[in-house]
């Protein structure tokens, strides 16, 4: 009985603290009218990155158009690269033991003519580390592919969060927080 009261009290206290710090569940997003007809530039439209961005924009009420001339804004991916770095080597034959995957993407948002910057150039980065097992190459390759997919998903979420910020002040460019 005392344990149940303690659990209920802890739960209610947690809710109060979360509400007090400004935490909100991320529900449906509604993007600024500036993004109502967005053209995605810099990545092939059939790529998984483009598909994920398109899905996120459409979930927030925006439409991704196939031509820049039909758009209200251009989301320009200026840099999109995934690389692998050696983190550690060891053993008698000095073989690689750990790798780091680094995903870097830069983007900006302009008006449909490319003249007015609505969101200045942002650099997003995701890094994941993993152990390399030369005795289990298939598993290591699968692990790397899963990490790449997870990093891309994280990058897409960061892009969408920054696009959501356009809603708060559509008349002036957003400051680069990075």
N, C-alpha and C. Protein backbone atom coordinates (compact mmCIF):
# COMPACT_ATOMS: atom_id res chain seq x y z
N UNK A 1 0.82 -1.19 0.00
CA UNK A 1 0.00 0.00 0.00
C UNK A 1 0.87 1.26 0.00
N UNK A 2 1.88 1.25 0.87
CA UNK A 2 2.77 2.40 0.94
C UNK A 2 3.58 2.51 -0.35
N UNK A 3 3.96 1.37 -0.91
CA UNK A 3 4.73 1.37 -2.16
C UNK A 3 3.88 1.95 -3.30
N UNK A 4 2.62 1.61 -3.38
CA UNK A 4 1.75 2.16 -4.42
C UNK A 4 1.60 3.66 -4.29
N UNK A 5 1.45 4.15 -3.07
CA UNK A 5 1.36 5.61 -2.86
C UNK A 5 2.65 6.29 -3.30
N UNK A 6 3.76 5.65 -2.95
CA UNK A 6 5.05 6.21 -3.32
C UNK A 6 5.20 6.25 -4.83
N UNK A 7 4.78 5.20 -5.53
CA UNK A 7 4.85 5.16 -6.99
C UNK A 7 3.97 6.23 -7.61
N UNK A 8 2.75 6.37 -7.12
CA UNK A 8 1.84 7.38 -7.64
C UNK A 8 2.41 8.77 -7.40
N UNK A 9 2.94 9.00 -6.21
CA UNK A 9 3.53 10.31 -5.89
C UNK A 9 4.72 10.60 -6.79
N UNK A 10 5.55 9.59 -7.00
CA UNK A 10 6.72 9.77 -7.89
C UNK A 10 6.29 10.07 -9.31
N UNK A 11 5.27 9.37 -9.78
CA UNK A 11 4.77 9.59 -11.13
C UNK A 11 4.23 11.01 -11.29
N UNK A 12 3.43 11.46 -10.33
CA UNK A 12 2.86 12.81 -10.40
C UNK A 12 3.95 13.87 -10.31
N UNK A 13 4.94 13.65 -9.45
CA UNK A 13 6.05 14.58 -9.35
C UNK A 13 6.82 14.65 -10.67
N UNK A 14 7.03 13.50 -11.30
CA UNK A 14 7.71 13.47 -12.61
C UNK A 14 6.94 14.27 -13.65
N UNK A 15 5.63 14.11 -13.68
CA UNK A 15 4.81 14.87 -14.62
C UNK A 15 4.93 16.37 -14.38
N UNK A 16 4.91 16.77 -13.11
CA UNK A 16 5.05 18.19 -12.79
C UNK A 16 6.41 18.73 -13.24
N UNK A 17 7.46 17.96 -12.98
CA UNK A 17 8.79 18.40 -13.39
C UNK A 17 8.92 18.50 -14.90
N UNK A 18 8.39 17.53 -15.62
CA UNK A 18 8.45 17.57 -17.08
C UNK A 18 7.68 18.76 -17.63
N UNK A 19 6.52 19.01 -17.08
CA UNK A 19 5.72 20.16 -17.52
C UNK A 19 6.41 21.47 -17.19
N UNK A 20 7.07 21.53 -16.05
CA UNK A 20 7.74 22.74 -15.61
C UNK A 20 8.97 23.08 -16.43
N UNK A 21 9.62 22.08 -17.00
CA UNK A 21 10.84 22.34 -17.78
C UNK A 21 10.52 22.62 -19.25
N UNK A 22 9.25 22.58 -19.63
CA UNK A 22 8.87 22.90 -21.00
C UNK A 22 8.79 21.70 -21.91
N UNK A 23 8.92 20.51 -21.38
CA UNK A 23 8.84 19.30 -22.20
C UNK A 23 7.44 19.15 -22.76
N UNK A 24 7.37 18.85 -24.05
CA UNK A 24 6.09 18.59 -24.70
C UNK A 24 6.24 17.37 -25.58
N UNK A 25 5.20 16.55 -25.64
CA UNK A 25 5.22 15.45 -26.59
C UNK A 25 5.18 16.03 -27.99
N UNK A 26 5.96 15.48 -28.87
CA UNK A 26 6.03 16.00 -30.24
C UNK A 26 4.89 15.40 -31.05
N UNK A 27 3.82 16.14 -31.15
CA UNK A 27 2.64 15.67 -31.87
C UNK A 27 2.71 16.04 -33.33
N UNK A 28 1.58 16.33 -33.91
CA UNK A 28 1.52 16.69 -35.32
C UNK A 28 2.18 18.04 -35.55
N UNK A 29 2.99 18.11 -36.57
CA UNK A 29 3.70 19.32 -36.93
C UNK A 29 2.93 20.01 -38.03
N UNK A 30 2.87 21.31 -37.97
CA UNK A 30 2.28 22.10 -39.06
C UNK A 30 3.36 23.10 -39.47
N UNK A 31 3.85 22.95 -40.68
CA UNK A 31 4.92 23.82 -41.15
C UNK A 31 4.39 25.17 -41.60
N UNK A 32 5.29 26.13 -41.65
CA UNK A 32 4.97 27.47 -42.10
C UNK A 32 4.41 27.45 -43.52
N UNK A 33 3.53 28.39 -43.84
CA UNK A 33 3.04 28.50 -45.22
C UNK A 33 4.18 28.70 -46.22
N UNK A 34 5.32 29.19 -45.75
CA UNK A 34 6.48 29.34 -46.63
C UNK A 34 6.93 28.00 -47.21
N UNK A 35 6.64 26.92 -46.50
CA UNK A 35 7.06 25.59 -46.94
C UNK A 35 5.92 24.80 -47.57
N UNK A 36 4.82 25.47 -47.86
CA UNK A 36 3.63 24.75 -48.35
C UNK A 36 3.91 23.97 -49.63
N UNK A 37 4.76 24.50 -50.48
CA UNK A 37 5.14 23.82 -51.73
C UNK A 37 6.66 23.87 -51.81
N UNK A 38 7.30 22.83 -51.32
CA UNK A 38 8.75 22.79 -51.19
C UNK A 38 9.39 21.96 -52.30
N UNK A 39 10.46 22.49 -52.85
CA UNK A 39 11.25 21.76 -53.84
C UNK A 39 12.51 21.27 -53.13
N UNK A 40 12.83 20.01 -53.27
CA UNK A 40 14.01 19.41 -52.66
C UNK A 40 15.12 19.35 -53.71
N UNK A 41 16.23 20.03 -53.42
CA UNK A 41 17.33 20.15 -54.37
C UNK A 41 18.61 19.58 -53.76
N UNK A 42 19.41 18.93 -54.57
CA UNK A 42 20.72 18.47 -54.12
C UNK A 42 20.83 16.99 -53.85
N UNK A 43 19.70 16.28 -53.86
CA UNK A 43 19.72 14.82 -53.71
C UNK A 43 18.73 14.23 -54.71
N UNK A 44 19.01 13.04 -55.23
CA UNK A 44 18.06 12.42 -56.16
C UNK A 44 16.71 12.17 -55.49
N UNK A 45 15.64 12.42 -56.21
CA UNK A 45 14.30 12.30 -55.63
C UNK A 45 13.96 10.87 -55.22
N UNK A 46 14.63 9.89 -55.80
CA UNK A 46 14.36 8.49 -55.48
C UNK A 46 15.21 7.98 -54.30
N UNK A 47 16.15 8.80 -53.80
CA UNK A 47 17.02 8.35 -52.71
C UNK A 47 16.23 8.21 -51.42
N UNK A 48 16.73 7.39 -50.53
CA UNK A 48 16.06 7.17 -49.24
C UNK A 48 16.01 8.47 -48.44
N UNK A 49 17.05 9.29 -48.53
CA UNK A 49 17.06 10.58 -47.83
C UNK A 49 15.92 11.45 -48.32
N UNK A 50 15.77 11.57 -49.62
CA UNK A 50 14.69 12.39 -50.19
C UNK A 50 13.32 11.85 -49.80
N UNK A 51 13.16 10.55 -49.82
CA UNK A 51 11.88 9.93 -49.47
C UNK A 51 11.53 10.23 -48.01
N UNK A 52 12.52 10.13 -47.11
CA UNK A 52 12.26 10.41 -45.70
C UNK A 52 11.92 11.88 -45.46
N UNK A 53 12.63 12.78 -46.12
CA UNK A 53 12.34 14.21 -45.97
C UNK A 53 10.95 14.51 -46.51
N UNK A 54 10.64 13.97 -47.67
CA UNK A 54 9.33 14.17 -48.28
C UNK A 54 8.22 13.67 -47.35
N UNK A 55 8.40 12.49 -46.80
CA UNK A 55 7.41 11.91 -45.89
C UNK A 55 7.19 12.83 -44.68
N UNK A 56 8.28 13.35 -44.12
CA UNK A 56 8.18 14.24 -42.97
C UNK A 56 7.50 15.55 -43.30
N UNK A 57 7.83 16.13 -44.44
CA UNK A 57 7.19 17.39 -44.85
C UNK A 57 5.70 17.18 -45.10
N UNK A 58 5.36 16.11 -45.77
CA UNK A 58 3.95 15.86 -46.08
C UNK A 58 3.14 15.56 -44.83
N UNK A 59 3.77 14.96 -43.83
CA UNK A 59 3.08 14.71 -42.56
C UNK A 59 2.73 16.02 -41.86
N UNK A 60 3.50 17.07 -42.15
CA UNK A 60 3.24 18.39 -41.57
C UNK A 60 2.41 19.29 -42.46
N UNK A 61 1.85 18.77 -43.52
CA UNK A 61 0.96 19.55 -44.36
C UNK A 61 1.62 20.20 -45.56
N UNK A 62 2.91 20.02 -45.76
CA UNK A 62 3.59 20.60 -46.92
C UNK A 62 3.51 19.62 -48.09
N UNK A 63 3.72 20.16 -49.28
CA UNK A 63 3.77 19.34 -50.49
C UNK A 63 5.15 19.47 -51.09
N UNK A 64 5.75 18.36 -51.48
CA UNK A 64 7.04 18.39 -52.16
C UNK A 64 6.77 18.35 -53.65
N UNK A 65 7.22 19.40 -54.34
CA UNK A 65 6.96 19.53 -55.78
C UNK A 65 8.18 19.06 -56.57
N UNK A 66 7.96 18.72 -57.83
CA UNK A 66 9.03 18.16 -58.66
C UNK A 66 9.81 19.22 -59.44
N UNK A 67 9.33 20.45 -59.46
CA UNK A 67 10.02 21.53 -60.19
C UNK A 67 10.17 22.75 -59.29
N UNK A 68 11.34 23.39 -59.35
CA UNK A 68 11.59 24.57 -58.52
C UNK A 68 10.63 25.71 -58.86
N UNK A 69 10.23 25.81 -60.12
CA UNK A 69 9.35 26.92 -60.53
C UNK A 69 7.96 26.82 -59.91
N UNK A 70 7.58 25.61 -59.44
CA UNK A 70 6.27 25.42 -58.82
C UNK A 70 6.30 25.56 -57.31
N UNK A 71 7.46 25.92 -56.76
CA UNK A 71 7.62 25.88 -55.31
C UNK A 71 7.42 27.24 -54.65
N UNK A 72 7.20 27.18 -53.33
CA UNK A 72 7.20 28.39 -52.51
C UNK A 72 8.53 28.52 -51.76
N UNK A 73 9.27 27.40 -51.66
CA UNK A 73 10.58 27.39 -51.00
C UNK A 73 11.42 26.26 -51.58
N UNK A 74 12.73 26.44 -51.48
CA UNK A 74 13.67 25.42 -51.94
C UNK A 74 14.49 24.95 -50.76
N UNK A 75 14.42 23.66 -50.48
CA UNK A 75 15.28 23.03 -49.47
C UNK A 75 16.48 22.47 -50.23
N UNK A 76 17.62 23.13 -50.06
CA UNK A 76 18.82 22.79 -50.82
C UNK A 76 19.80 22.02 -49.95
N UNK A 77 20.03 20.76 -50.28
CA UNK A 77 21.04 19.94 -49.59
C UNK A 77 22.36 20.22 -50.30
N UNK A 78 23.24 20.96 -49.64
CA UNK A 78 24.49 21.37 -50.28
C UNK A 78 25.63 20.38 -50.06
N UNK A 79 25.52 19.54 -49.04
CA UNK A 79 26.57 18.56 -48.75
C UNK A 79 25.92 17.37 -48.06
N UNK A 80 26.26 16.16 -48.50
CA UNK A 80 25.67 14.94 -47.94
C UNK A 80 26.71 13.83 -48.07
N UNK A 81 27.38 13.50 -46.97
CA UNK A 81 28.49 12.56 -47.04
C UNK A 81 28.54 11.67 -45.80
N UNK A 82 28.79 10.38 -46.01
CA UNK A 82 29.01 9.44 -44.92
C UNK A 82 30.42 8.89 -45.08
N UNK A 83 31.18 8.91 -43.99
CA UNK A 83 32.54 8.40 -44.04
C UNK A 83 32.84 7.48 -42.87
N UNK A 84 33.87 6.68 -43.02
CA UNK A 84 34.28 5.75 -41.97
C UNK A 84 35.71 6.08 -41.57
N UNK A 85 35.95 6.17 -40.27
CA UNK A 85 37.27 6.49 -39.73
C UNK A 85 37.72 5.37 -38.80
N UNK A 86 39.00 5.11 -38.78
CA UNK A 86 39.56 4.12 -37.85
C UNK A 86 39.70 4.78 -36.48
N UNK A 87 39.16 4.10 -35.47
CA UNK A 87 39.28 4.61 -34.10
C UNK A 87 40.43 3.96 -33.34
N UNK A 88 40.55 2.64 -33.48
CA UNK A 88 41.63 1.96 -32.75
C UNK A 88 42.12 0.75 -33.53
N UNK A 89 43.41 0.49 -33.34
CA UNK A 89 44.03 -0.70 -33.91
C UNK A 89 44.71 -1.44 -32.76
N UNK A 90 44.87 -2.73 -32.92
CA UNK A 90 45.50 -3.49 -31.84
C UNK A 90 45.82 -4.89 -32.28
N UNK A 91 46.31 -5.65 -31.35
CA UNK A 91 46.67 -7.03 -31.64
C UNK A 91 48.07 -7.12 -32.21
N UNK A 92 48.53 -8.34 -32.35
CA UNK A 92 49.89 -8.58 -32.85
C UNK A 92 50.07 -8.09 -34.28
N UNK A 93 49.03 -8.21 -35.09
CA UNK A 93 49.13 -7.81 -36.50
C UNK A 93 48.63 -6.38 -36.71
N UNK A 94 48.44 -5.65 -35.64
CA UNK A 94 47.89 -4.28 -35.68
C UNK A 94 46.70 -4.18 -36.64
N UNK A 95 45.66 -4.90 -36.30
CA UNK A 95 44.44 -4.88 -37.09
C UNK A 95 43.45 -3.88 -36.51
N UNK A 96 42.58 -3.39 -37.36
CA UNK A 96 41.56 -2.44 -36.93
C UNK A 96 40.61 -3.12 -35.95
N UNK A 97 40.33 -2.44 -34.83
CA UNK A 97 39.40 -2.98 -33.85
C UNK A 97 38.10 -2.19 -33.80
N UNK A 98 38.19 -0.87 -34.02
CA UNK A 98 36.99 -0.04 -33.93
C UNK A 98 36.96 0.98 -35.07
N UNK A 99 35.75 1.24 -35.53
CA UNK A 99 35.51 2.27 -36.54
C UNK A 99 34.51 3.29 -36.01
N UNK A 100 34.54 4.45 -36.61
CA UNK A 100 33.50 5.46 -36.37
C UNK A 100 32.90 5.83 -37.72
N UNK A 101 31.59 5.86 -37.78
CA UNK A 101 30.89 6.34 -38.97
C UNK A 101 30.51 7.79 -38.71
N UNK A 102 30.75 8.65 -39.68
CA UNK A 102 30.42 10.07 -39.54
C UNK A 102 29.54 10.47 -40.72
N UNK A 103 28.35 10.99 -40.40
CA UNK A 103 27.40 11.44 -41.42
C UNK A 103 27.30 12.96 -41.29
N UNK A 104 27.65 13.66 -42.35
CA UNK A 104 27.59 15.12 -42.36
C UNK A 104 26.67 15.57 -43.48
N UNK A 105 25.77 16.49 -43.16
CA UNK A 105 24.84 17.03 -44.15
C UNK A 105 24.72 18.53 -43.90
N UNK A 106 24.73 19.31 -44.98
CA UNK A 106 24.50 20.75 -44.89
C UNK A 106 23.31 21.09 -45.75
N UNK A 107 22.49 22.03 -45.25
CA UNK A 107 21.33 22.44 -46.02
C UNK A 107 20.97 23.89 -45.70
N UNK A 108 20.22 24.48 -46.62
CA UNK A 108 19.66 25.80 -46.41
C UNK A 108 18.30 25.85 -47.08
N UNK A 109 17.51 26.84 -46.71
CA UNK A 109 16.19 27.02 -47.32
C UNK A 109 16.12 28.43 -47.88
N UNK A 110 15.73 28.52 -49.15
CA UNK A 110 15.57 29.83 -49.79
C UNK A 110 14.14 29.95 -50.33
N UNK A 111 13.81 31.15 -50.77
CA UNK A 111 12.52 31.31 -51.43
C UNK A 111 12.57 30.61 -52.79
N UNK A 112 11.48 30.61 -53.50
CA UNK A 112 11.38 29.84 -54.75
C UNK A 112 12.33 30.32 -55.84
N UNK A 113 12.79 31.53 -55.75
CA UNK A 113 13.71 32.06 -56.75
C UNK A 113 15.17 31.89 -56.33
N UNK A 114 15.39 31.48 -55.08
CA UNK A 114 16.75 31.30 -54.57
C UNK A 114 17.39 32.60 -54.13
N UNK A 115 16.61 33.68 -54.05
CA UNK A 115 17.15 34.99 -53.70
C UNK A 115 17.18 35.24 -52.20
N UNK A 116 16.07 35.00 -51.52
CA UNK A 116 15.95 35.30 -50.10
C UNK A 116 16.21 34.04 -49.28
N UNK A 117 17.13 34.14 -48.34
CA UNK A 117 17.44 33.00 -47.47
C UNK A 117 16.43 32.97 -46.34
N UNK A 118 15.67 31.88 -46.27
CA UNK A 118 14.68 31.71 -45.21
C UNK A 118 15.29 31.01 -44.00
N UNK A 119 16.23 30.13 -44.24
CA UNK A 119 16.95 29.43 -43.18
C UNK A 119 18.40 29.29 -43.66
N UNK A 120 19.34 29.94 -42.96
CA UNK A 120 20.73 29.92 -43.44
C UNK A 120 21.34 28.52 -43.38
N UNK A 121 22.49 28.39 -43.98
CA UNK A 121 23.19 27.11 -44.06
C UNK A 121 23.39 26.51 -42.67
N UNK A 122 22.93 25.27 -42.52
CA UNK A 122 23.11 24.51 -41.29
C UNK A 122 23.96 23.29 -41.59
N UNK A 123 24.84 22.96 -40.66
CA UNK A 123 25.66 21.75 -40.76
C UNK A 123 25.20 20.79 -39.68
N UNK A 124 24.77 19.62 -40.09
CA UNK A 124 24.31 18.59 -39.16
C UNK A 124 25.28 17.42 -39.21
N UNK A 125 25.51 16.81 -38.06
CA UNK A 125 26.47 15.72 -38.00
C UNK A 125 25.98 14.65 -37.04
N UNK A 126 26.17 13.40 -37.43
CA UNK A 126 25.88 12.26 -36.56
C UNK A 126 27.08 11.33 -36.61
N UNK A 127 27.46 10.81 -35.45
CA UNK A 127 28.61 9.92 -35.36
C UNK A 127 28.21 8.67 -34.57
N UNK A 128 28.59 7.52 -35.07
CA UNK A 128 28.35 6.25 -34.38
C UNK A 128 29.64 5.44 -34.43
N UNK A 129 29.93 4.74 -33.35
CA UNK A 129 31.13 3.90 -33.26
C UNK A 129 30.72 2.44 -33.20
N UNK A 130 31.56 1.58 -33.75
CA UNK A 130 31.30 0.15 -33.66
C UNK A 130 32.60 -0.64 -33.69
N UNK A 131 32.55 -1.82 -33.10
CA UNK A 131 33.70 -2.73 -33.08
C UNK A 131 33.71 -3.56 -34.36
N UNK A 132 34.89 -3.73 -34.89
CA UNK A 132 35.08 -4.53 -36.10
C UNK A 132 35.49 -5.94 -35.70
N UNK A 133 34.77 -6.93 -36.20
CA UNK A 133 35.07 -8.33 -35.92
C UNK A 133 35.44 -9.03 -37.22
N UNK A 134 36.73 -9.27 -37.47
CA UNK A 134 37.14 -9.89 -38.74
C UNK A 134 36.66 -11.34 -38.87
N UNK A 135 36.24 -11.96 -37.77
CA UNK A 135 35.76 -13.33 -37.83
C UNK A 135 34.27 -13.40 -38.17
N UNK A 136 33.60 -12.26 -38.14
CA UNK A 136 32.17 -12.23 -38.40
C UNK A 136 31.85 -11.07 -39.34
N UNK A 137 32.34 -11.16 -40.56
CA UNK A 137 32.23 -10.05 -41.51
C UNK A 137 30.79 -9.71 -41.88
N UNK A 138 29.92 -10.71 -42.03
CA UNK A 138 28.52 -10.43 -42.38
C UNK A 138 27.83 -9.62 -41.30
N UNK A 139 28.04 -10.00 -40.07
CA UNK A 139 27.42 -9.29 -38.95
C UNK A 139 27.95 -7.87 -38.85
N UNK A 140 29.25 -7.70 -39.04
CA UNK A 140 29.85 -6.37 -38.99
C UNK A 140 29.31 -5.48 -40.10
N UNK A 141 29.15 -6.04 -41.31
CA UNK A 141 28.58 -5.27 -42.42
C UNK A 141 27.14 -4.88 -42.16
N UNK A 142 26.36 -5.82 -41.60
CA UNK A 142 24.97 -5.51 -41.25
C UNK A 142 24.91 -4.41 -40.20
N UNK A 143 25.81 -4.50 -39.21
CA UNK A 143 25.84 -3.49 -38.15
C UNK A 143 26.12 -2.11 -38.74
N UNK A 144 27.07 -2.04 -39.66
CA UNK A 144 27.40 -0.76 -40.28
C UNK A 144 26.21 -0.21 -41.07
N UNK A 145 25.52 -1.06 -41.81
CA UNK A 145 24.35 -0.60 -42.57
C UNK A 145 23.24 -0.11 -41.65
N UNK A 146 23.01 -0.81 -40.55
CA UNK A 146 21.99 -0.38 -39.58
C UNK A 146 22.36 0.96 -38.96
N UNK A 147 23.64 1.15 -38.67
CA UNK A 147 24.08 2.43 -38.10
C UNK A 147 23.91 3.56 -39.11
N UNK A 148 24.22 3.30 -40.37
CA UNK A 148 24.03 4.32 -41.42
C UNK A 148 22.56 4.72 -41.53
N UNK A 149 21.67 3.73 -41.50
CA UNK A 149 20.23 4.02 -41.58
C UNK A 149 19.77 4.83 -40.37
N UNK A 150 20.25 4.47 -39.19
CA UNK A 150 19.86 5.19 -37.97
C UNK A 150 20.38 6.63 -37.99
N UNK A 151 21.60 6.82 -38.48
CA UNK A 151 22.15 8.18 -38.55
C UNK A 151 21.36 9.03 -39.55
N UNK A 152 21.00 8.44 -40.67
CA UNK A 152 20.22 9.19 -41.66
C UNK A 152 18.87 9.59 -41.08
N UNK A 153 18.24 8.70 -40.35
CA UNK A 153 16.97 9.01 -39.71
C UNK A 153 17.14 10.17 -38.72
N UNK A 154 18.21 10.14 -37.93
CA UNK A 154 18.49 11.23 -36.99
C UNK A 154 18.70 12.55 -37.72
N UNK A 155 19.43 12.53 -38.82
CA UNK A 155 19.68 13.75 -39.59
C UNK A 155 18.37 14.29 -40.16
N UNK A 156 17.52 13.43 -40.68
CA UNK A 156 16.23 13.87 -41.23
C UNK A 156 15.39 14.51 -40.12
N UNK A 157 15.38 13.92 -38.94
CA UNK A 157 14.63 14.52 -37.82
C UNK A 157 15.17 15.90 -37.49
N UNK A 158 16.49 16.06 -37.50
CA UNK A 158 17.08 17.38 -37.22
C UNK A 158 16.68 18.39 -38.29
N UNK A 159 16.67 17.98 -39.55
CA UNK A 159 16.23 18.88 -40.62
C UNK A 159 14.80 19.31 -40.38
N UNK A 160 13.92 18.36 -40.10
CA UNK A 160 12.51 18.67 -39.90
C UNK A 160 12.29 19.56 -38.69
N UNK A 161 13.05 19.37 -37.62
CA UNK A 161 12.93 20.25 -36.45
C UNK A 161 13.32 21.68 -36.81
N UNK A 162 14.37 21.83 -37.59
CA UNK A 162 14.79 23.18 -37.98
C UNK A 162 13.77 23.82 -38.93
N UNK A 163 13.18 23.02 -39.79
CA UNK A 163 12.13 23.55 -40.67
C UNK A 163 10.90 23.95 -39.87
N UNK A 164 10.62 23.22 -38.82
CA UNK A 164 9.49 23.58 -37.96
C UNK A 164 9.72 24.94 -37.30
N UNK A 165 10.96 25.30 -37.05
CA UNK A 165 11.28 26.59 -36.43
C UNK A 165 10.95 27.76 -37.34
N UNK A 166 10.87 27.54 -38.64
CA UNK A 166 10.49 28.62 -39.56
C UNK A 166 9.11 29.16 -39.24
N UNK A 167 8.29 28.34 -38.68
CA UNK A 167 6.92 28.70 -38.34
C UNK A 167 6.88 29.86 -37.35
N UNK A 168 7.85 29.91 -36.42
CA UNK A 168 7.79 30.91 -35.37
C UNK A 168 8.13 32.32 -35.84
N UNK A 169 8.98 32.45 -36.83
CA UNK A 169 9.37 33.78 -37.31
C UNK A 169 9.59 33.75 -38.81
N UNK A 170 8.52 33.67 -39.62
CA UNK A 170 8.69 33.52 -41.06
C UNK A 170 9.21 34.75 -41.79
N UNK A 171 9.21 35.93 -41.15
CA UNK A 171 9.60 37.14 -41.85
C UNK A 171 11.10 37.40 -41.84
N UNK A 172 11.83 36.72 -40.96
CA UNK A 172 13.26 36.95 -40.90
C UNK A 172 14.00 35.63 -40.87
N UNK A 173 15.23 35.59 -41.37
CA UNK A 173 15.98 34.34 -41.36
C UNK A 173 16.26 33.86 -39.94
N UNK A 174 16.33 32.56 -39.78
CA UNK A 174 16.65 31.97 -38.49
C UNK A 174 18.16 31.98 -38.31
N UNK A 175 18.61 32.20 -37.06
CA UNK A 175 20.04 32.18 -36.77
C UNK A 175 20.54 30.74 -36.78
N UNK A 176 21.74 30.57 -37.23
CA UNK A 176 22.36 29.25 -37.24
C UNK A 176 22.81 28.94 -35.83
N UNK A 177 22.26 27.86 -35.23
CA UNK A 177 22.54 27.52 -33.84
C UNK A 177 23.76 26.65 -33.68
N UNK A 178 24.36 26.23 -34.78
CA UNK A 178 25.48 25.28 -34.68
C UNK A 178 26.78 26.00 -34.46
